[in-house]
Amino acid sequence: MKLPAKQIRYHATSMELAAYLDERYVEMHIRTDIGQNIAVVCERDSIFAIQRHIEQTRRECPEISTWQTGMDSGGLRTDDQRSYEAAVSEG
């Protein structure tokens, strides 16, 4: 069995969108719990696809707003660790 490549995972403490109208692009600015600042450049109107996905998820899974985040001893969020282990076991 081939294991998936290890993903870089961050715990975001804040996120914001920055629109650069003159240059015609949007960035997602993310600050992590270890103080890193990450900027992700979004292709053209892809941010609107993300917005639609978020709205769809909110309608279909409103319970997400009640979830709490806990950390394990390795620094992973406990829910993330369970999801990762499930994905690996499924192959």
C-alpha atoms as a PDB file:
ATOM      1  CA  MET A   1       0.000   0.000   0.000  1.00  0.00           C
ATOM      2  CA  LYS A   2       1.308   3.421  -0.936  1.00  0.00           C
ATOM      3  CA  LEU A   3       0.742   6.022   1.781  1.00  0.00           C
ATOM      4  CA  PRO A   4      -0.311   9.513   0.710  1.00  0.00           C
ATOM      5  CA  ALA A   5       2.335  12.214   0.744  1.00  0.00           C
ATOM      6  CA  LYS A   6       2.503  13.968   4.087  1.00  0.00           C
ATOM      7  CA  GLN A   7       0.481  17.159   3.956  1.00  0.00           C
ATOM      8  CA  ILE A   8       1.583  20.385   5.526  1.00  0.00           C
ATOM      9  CA  ARG A   9      -1.135  21.239   8.019  1.00  0.00           C
ATOM     10  CA  TYR A  10      -1.678  24.528   9.801  1.00  0.00           C
ATOM     11  CA  HIS A  11      -4.106  25.602  12.480  1.00  0.00           C
ATOM     12  CA  ALA A  12      -5.489  28.929  11.312  1.00  0.00           C
ATOM     13  CA  THR A  13      -6.223  31.479  13.995  1.00  0.00           C
ATOM     14  CA  SER A  14      -7.496  34.077  11.542  1.00  0.00           C
ATOM     15  CA  MET A  15      -8.265  34.346   7.847  1.00  0.00           C
ATOM     16  CA  GLU A  16      -9.156  37.255   5.608  1.00  0.00           C
ATOM     17  CA  LEU A  17      -9.541  38.021   1.938  1.00  0.00           C
ATOM     18  CA  ALA A  18      -7.577  40.809   0.319  1.00  0.00           C
ATOM     19  CA  ALA A  19      -8.708  42.039  -3.090  1.00  0.00           C
ATOM     20  CA  TYR A  20      -6.185  43.861  -5.269  1.00  0.00           C
ATOM     21  CA  LEU A  21      -8.482  45.504  -7.791  1.00  0.00           C
ATOM     22  CA  ASP A  22      -5.833  47.233  -9.912  1.00  0.00           C
ATOM     23  CA  GLU A  23      -3.853  44.005 -10.293  1.00  0.00           C
ATOM     24  CA  ARG A  24      -7.056  41.918 -10.579  1.00  0.00           C
ATOM     25  CA  TYR A  25      -6.385  39.178  -8.059  1.00  0.00           C
ATOM     26  CA  VAL A  26      -7.482  38.050  -4.620  1.00  0.00           C
ATOM     27  CA  GLU A  27      -5.410  36.603  -1.796  1.00  0.00           C
ATOM     28  CA  MET A  28      -6.455  34.643   1.259  1.00  0.00           C
ATOM     29  CA  HIS A  29      -4.329  35.782   4.214  1.00  0.00           C
ATOM     30  CA  ILE A  30      -3.991  33.173   6.946  1.00  0.00           C
ATOM     31  CA  ARG A  31      -2.331  33.552  10.339  1.00  0.00           C
ATOM     32  CA  THR A  32      -1.423  30.314  12.098  1.00  0.00           C
ATOM     33  CA  ASP A  33      -1.271  29.419  15.759  1.00  0.00           C
ATOM     34  CA  ILE A  34       2.547  29.449  15.579  1.00  0.00           C
ATOM     35  CA  GLY A  35       2.619  32.993  14.199  1.00  0.00           C
ATOM     36  CA  GLN A  36       3.181  32.243  10.518  1.00  0.00           C
ATOM     37  CA  ASN A  37       1.510  34.487   7.963  1.00  0.00           C
ATOM     38  CA  ILE A  38       0.536  32.690   4.766  1.00  0.00           C
ATOM     39  CA  ALA A  39      -0.820  34.297   1.601  1.00  0.00           C
ATOM     40  CA  VAL A  40      -2.611  32.130  -0.961  1.00  0.00           C
ATOM     41  CA  VAL A  41      -3.224  33.745  -4.334  1.00  0.00           C
ATOM     42  CA  CYS A  42      -6.621  32.805  -5.759  1.00  0.00           C
ATOM     43  CA  GLU A  43      -7.050  32.435  -9.495  1.00  0.00           C
ATOM     44  CA  ARG A  44      -9.353  35.047 -10.985  1.00  0.00           C
ATOM     45  CA  ASP A  45     -12.907  34.317  -9.815  1.00  0.00           C
ATOM     46  CA  SER A  46     -12.116  31.088  -7.944  1.00  0.00           C
ATOM     47  CA  ILE A  47     -12.928  32.862  -4.702  1.00  0.00           C
ATOM     48  CA  PHE A  48     -16.586  32.929  -5.740  1.00  0.00           C
ATOM     49  CA  ALA A  49     -16.549  29.162  -6.220  1.00  0.00           C
ATOM     50  CA  ILE A  50     -15.171  28.873  -2.688  1.00  0.00           C
ATOM     51  CA  GLN A  51     -17.919  31.164  -1.417  1.00  0.00           C
ATOM     52  CA  ARG A  52     -20.592  29.007  -3.079  1.00  0.00           C
ATOM     53  CA  HIS A  53     -19.047  25.882  -1.552  1.00  0.00           C
ATOM     54  CA  ILE A  54     -19.022  27.447   1.915  1.00  0.00           C
ATOM     55  CA  GLU A  55     -22.661  28.478   1.564  1.00  0.00           C
ATOM     56  CA  GLN A  56     -23.609  24.970   0.378  1.00  0.00           C
ATOM     57  CA  THR A  57     -21.763  23.389   3.305  1.00  0.00           C
ATOM     58  CA  ARG A  58     -23.472  25.770   5.731  1.00  0.00           C
ATOM     59  CA  ARG A  59     -26.902  24.710   4.414  1.00  0.00           C
ATOM     60  CA  GLU A  60     -26.138  20.979   4.301  1.00  0.00           C
ATOM     61  CA  CYS A  61     -24.081  20.698   7.509  1.00  0.00           C
ATOM     62  CA  PRO A  62     -25.168  23.418   9.954  1.00  0.00           C
ATOM     63  CA  GLU A  63     -23.792  21.360  12.838  1.00  0.00           C
ATOM     64  CA  ILE A  64     -20.263  22.389  11.825  1.00  0.00           C
ATOM     65  CA  SER A  65     -20.799  25.701  13.608  1.00  0.00           C
ATOM     66  CA  THR A  66     -21.103  23.801  16.915  1.00  0.00           C
ATOM     67  CA  TRP A  67     -17.843  21.854  16.603  1.00  0.00           C
ATOM     68  CA  GLN A  68     -15.054  22.579  19.036  1.00  0.00           C
ATOM     69  CA  THR A  69     -11.354  22.301  18.274  1.00  0.00           C
ATOM     70  CA  GLY A  70      -9.139  20.201  20.522  1.00  0.00           C
ATOM     71  CA  MET A  71      -5.423  19.537  20.091  1.00  0.00           C
ATOM     72  CA  ASP A  72      -3.633  16.241  20.618  1.00  0.00           C
ATOM     73  CA  SER A  73      -0.115  15.905  22.040  1.00  0.00           C
ATOM     74  CA  GLY A  74       1.375  15.961  18.535  1.00  0.00           C
ATOM     75  CA  GLY A  75      -0.132  19.340  17.729  1.00  0.00           C
ATOM     76  CA  LEU A  76      -2.801  18.016  15.369  1.00  0.00           C
ATOM     77  CA  ARG A  77      -6.404  18.914  15.894  1.00  0.00           C
ATOM     78  CA  THR A  78      -8.054  15.746  17.173  1.00  0.00           C
ATOM     79  CA  ASP A  79     -10.731  15.755  14.468  1.00  0.00           C
ATOM     80  CA  ASP A  80      -8.062  16.190  11.781  1.00  0.00           C
ATOM     81  CA  GLN A  81      -6.112  13.213  13.100  1.00  0.00           C
ATOM     82  CA  ARG A  82      -9.177  10.958  12.928  1.00  0.00           C
ATOM     83  CA  SER A  83      -9.865  12.100   9.358  1.00  0.00           C
ATOM     84  CA  TYR A  84      -6.264  11.459   8.329  1.00  0.00           C
ATOM     85  CA  GLU A  85      -6.239   7.985   9.896  1.00  0.00           C
ATOM     86  CA  ALA A  86      -9.517   7.126   8.149  1.00  0.00           C
ATOM     87  CA  ALA A  87      -8.129   8.235   4.782  1.00  0.00           C
ATOM     88  CA  VAL A  88      -4.968   6.166   5.237  1.00  0.00           C
ATOM     89  CA  SER A  89      -6.917   3.056   6.264  1.00  0.00           C
ATOM     90  CA  GLU A  90      -9.154   3.378   3.188  1.00  0.00           C
ATOM     91  CA  GLY A  91      -6.069   3.399   0.960  1.00  0.00           C
END
